[in-house]
Every structure is written in structure tokens, then in C-alpha cells.
Amino acid sequence: MKDYYNILTQRETEVLELVAEGYLNKEIAQKLYVSETTVKKHIESIYRKFSVHNKVQAALYGIAIGVLSLPELK
């Protein structure tokens, strides 16, 4: 059984949270003070660890396993 709470690094979790909030790679890079290439590498790593193929699947899987919480409705 996978240890879902430690499947992602802290930085990958931060990237996934921003992806789930709808930020573009460039915006994520600016917020985290890293290059856009670094953001892409983190996203690729998330896809591989989650066995998904896009950002929507990654965000939904993150919610499903408890890495992310559902956003509050306003």
C-alpha cells in the first residue's frame, strides 16, 4: 500500500496546490521563485507518481487521496 501522505515532496505539493487553483506554469514559477522549467519537472514528477496524464487528473487524484483539500465554494 502506498504511503499517500509522503508520495510527493513538499515542493511538488506546493506546485500541485497552485495547479489545482488554476495557475499557469509561468505564474507558478514566479510565485515559487523558480524557473518555469523547474515547475515543468515537478509537474512531470507528479504525473509519474500519480500515474496521470494532465493537470486536471493530477488535481482530482490529489483530492481523492487527501494530498489536496476541496476548495471552498464562495
C-alpha atoms as a PDB file:
ATOM      1  CA  MET A   1       0.000   0.000   0.000  1.00  0.00           C
ATOM      2  CA  LYS A   2       1.301   3.449  -0.921  1.00  0.00           C
ATOM      3  CA  ASP A   3       2.006   5.996   1.781  1.00  0.00           C
ATOM      4  CA  TYR A   4      -0.079   8.737   0.206  1.00  0.00           C
ATOM      5  CA  TYR A   5       0.921  11.401   2.690  1.00  0.00           C
ATOM      6  CA  ASN A   6       4.577  11.186   1.657  1.00  0.00           C
ATOM      7  CA  ILE A   7       4.167  10.396  -2.029  1.00  0.00           C
ATOM      8  CA  LEU A   8       5.009  13.986  -3.052  1.00  0.00           C
ATOM      9  CA  THR A   9       7.807  16.233  -1.902  1.00  0.00           C
ATOM     10  CA  GLN A  10       6.873  19.465  -0.164  1.00  0.00           C
ATOM     11  CA  ARG A  11       7.677  21.431  -3.323  1.00  0.00           C
ATOM     12  CA  GLU A  12       5.631  19.081  -5.509  1.00  0.00           C
ATOM     13  CA  THR A  13       2.716  19.535  -3.128  1.00  0.00           C
ATOM     14  CA  GLU A  14       3.063  23.317  -3.396  1.00  0.00           C
ATOM     15  CA  VAL A  15       3.128  23.083  -7.198  1.00  0.00           C
ATOM     16  CA  LEU A  16       0.086  20.778  -7.212  1.00  0.00           C
ATOM     17  CA  GLU A  17      -1.851  23.177  -4.977  1.00  0.00           C
ATOM     18  CA  LEU A  18      -1.157  26.038  -7.382  1.00  0.00           C
ATOM     19  CA  VAL A  19      -2.020  23.855 -10.388  1.00  0.00           C
ATOM     20  CA  ALA A  20      -5.334  22.977  -8.718  1.00  0.00           C
ATOM     21  CA  GLU A  21      -6.001  26.679  -8.168  1.00  0.00           C
ATOM     22  CA  GLY A  22      -5.633  27.232 -11.910  1.00  0.00           C
ATOM     23  CA  TYR A  23      -2.275  28.972 -12.106  1.00  0.00           C
ATOM     24  CA  LEU A  24      -0.224  28.645 -15.285  1.00  0.00           C
ATOM     25  CA  ASN A  25       3.305  27.230 -15.162  1.00  0.00           C
ATOM     26  CA  LYS A  26       4.799  30.704 -15.618  1.00  0.00           C
ATOM     27  CA  GLU A  27       2.737  32.085 -12.736  1.00  0.00           C
ATOM     28  CA  ILE A  28       3.693  29.154 -10.500  1.00  0.00           C
ATOM     29  CA  ALA A  29       7.356  29.756 -11.298  1.00  0.00           C
ATOM     30  CA  GLN A  30       7.033  33.411 -10.318  1.00  0.00           C
ATOM     31  CA  LYS A  31       5.198  32.623  -7.081  1.00  0.00           C
ATOM     32  CA  LEU A  32       7.751  29.983  -6.026  1.00  0.00           C
ATOM     33  CA  TYR A  33      10.819  31.887  -7.296  1.00  0.00           C
ATOM     34  CA  VAL A  34      11.940  29.048  -9.565  1.00  0.00           C
ATOM     35  CA  SER A  35      12.264  28.657 -13.322  1.00  0.00           C
ATOM     36  CA  GLU A  36       9.387  27.553 -15.485  1.00  0.00           C
ATOM     37  CA  THR A  37      11.493  24.519 -16.430  1.00  0.00           C
ATOM     38  CA  THR A  38      11.694  23.546 -12.752  1.00  0.00           C
ATOM     39  CA  VAL A  39       7.908  23.795 -12.476  1.00  0.00           C
ATOM     40  CA  LYS A  40       7.525  21.557 -15.530  1.00  0.00           C
ATOM     41  CA  LYS A  41       9.893  18.988 -13.981  1.00  0.00           C
ATOM     42  CA  HIS A  42       7.835  18.976 -10.767  1.00  0.00           C
ATOM     43  CA  ILE A  43       4.618  18.541 -12.747  1.00  0.00           C
ATOM     44  CA  GLU A  44       6.141  15.661 -14.731  1.00  0.00           C
ATOM     45  CA  SER A  45       7.168  14.035 -11.446  1.00  0.00           C
ATOM     46  CA  ILE A  46       3.640  14.435 -10.060  1.00  0.00           C
ATOM     47  CA  TYR A  47       2.172  12.854 -13.209  1.00  0.00           C
ATOM     48  CA  ARG A  48       4.559   9.919 -12.908  1.00  0.00           C
ATOM     49  CA  LYS A  49       3.883   9.372  -9.185  1.00  0.00           C
ATOM     50  CA  PHE A  50       0.122   9.624  -9.652  1.00  0.00           C
ATOM     51  CA  SER A  51       0.056   7.752 -12.995  1.00  0.00           C
ATOM     52  CA  VAL A  52      -1.934  10.563 -14.617  1.00  0.00           C
ATOM     53  CA  HIS A  53      -1.585  12.478 -17.875  1.00  0.00           C
ATOM     54  CA  ASN A  54      -2.816  16.007 -17.244  1.00  0.00           C
ATOM     55  CA  LYS A  55      -3.282  18.695 -14.608  1.00  0.00           C
ATOM     56  CA  VAL A  56      -6.979  18.030 -14.050  1.00  0.00           C
ATOM     57  CA  GLN A  57      -6.333  14.355 -13.372  1.00  0.00           C
ATOM     58  CA  ALA A  58      -3.448  15.273 -11.056  1.00  0.00           C
ATOM     59  CA  ALA A  59      -5.583  17.706  -9.064  1.00  0.00           C
ATOM     60  CA  LEU A  60      -8.504  15.272  -8.799  1.00  0.00           C
ATOM     61  CA  TYR A  61      -6.230  12.430  -7.738  1.00  0.00           C
ATOM     62  CA  GLY A  62      -4.580  14.710  -5.177  1.00  0.00           C
ATOM     63  CA  ILE A  63      -8.011  15.449  -3.719  1.00  0.00           C
ATOM     64  CA  ALA A  64      -9.023  11.775  -3.825  1.00  0.00           C
ATOM     65  CA  ILE A  65      -6.012  10.635  -1.789  1.00  0.00           C
ATOM     66  CA  GLY A  66      -6.087  13.575   0.611  1.00  0.00           C
ATOM     67  CA  VAL A  67      -2.994  15.439  -0.566  1.00  0.00           C
ATOM     68  CA  LEU A  68      -5.229  18.377  -1.508  1.00  0.00           C
ATOM     69  CA  SER A  69      -8.437  19.512   0.095  1.00  0.00           C
ATOM     70  CA  LEU A  70     -11.513  20.555  -1.819  1.00  0.00           C
ATOM     71  CA  PRO A  71     -11.599  24.292  -2.458  1.00  0.00           C
ATOM     72  CA  GLU A  72     -14.164  26.279  -0.527  1.00  0.00           C
ATOM     73  CA  LEU A  73     -17.126  27.426  -2.561  1.00  0.00           C
ATOM     74  CA  LYS A  74     -17.785  31.140  -2.441  1.00  0.00           C
END
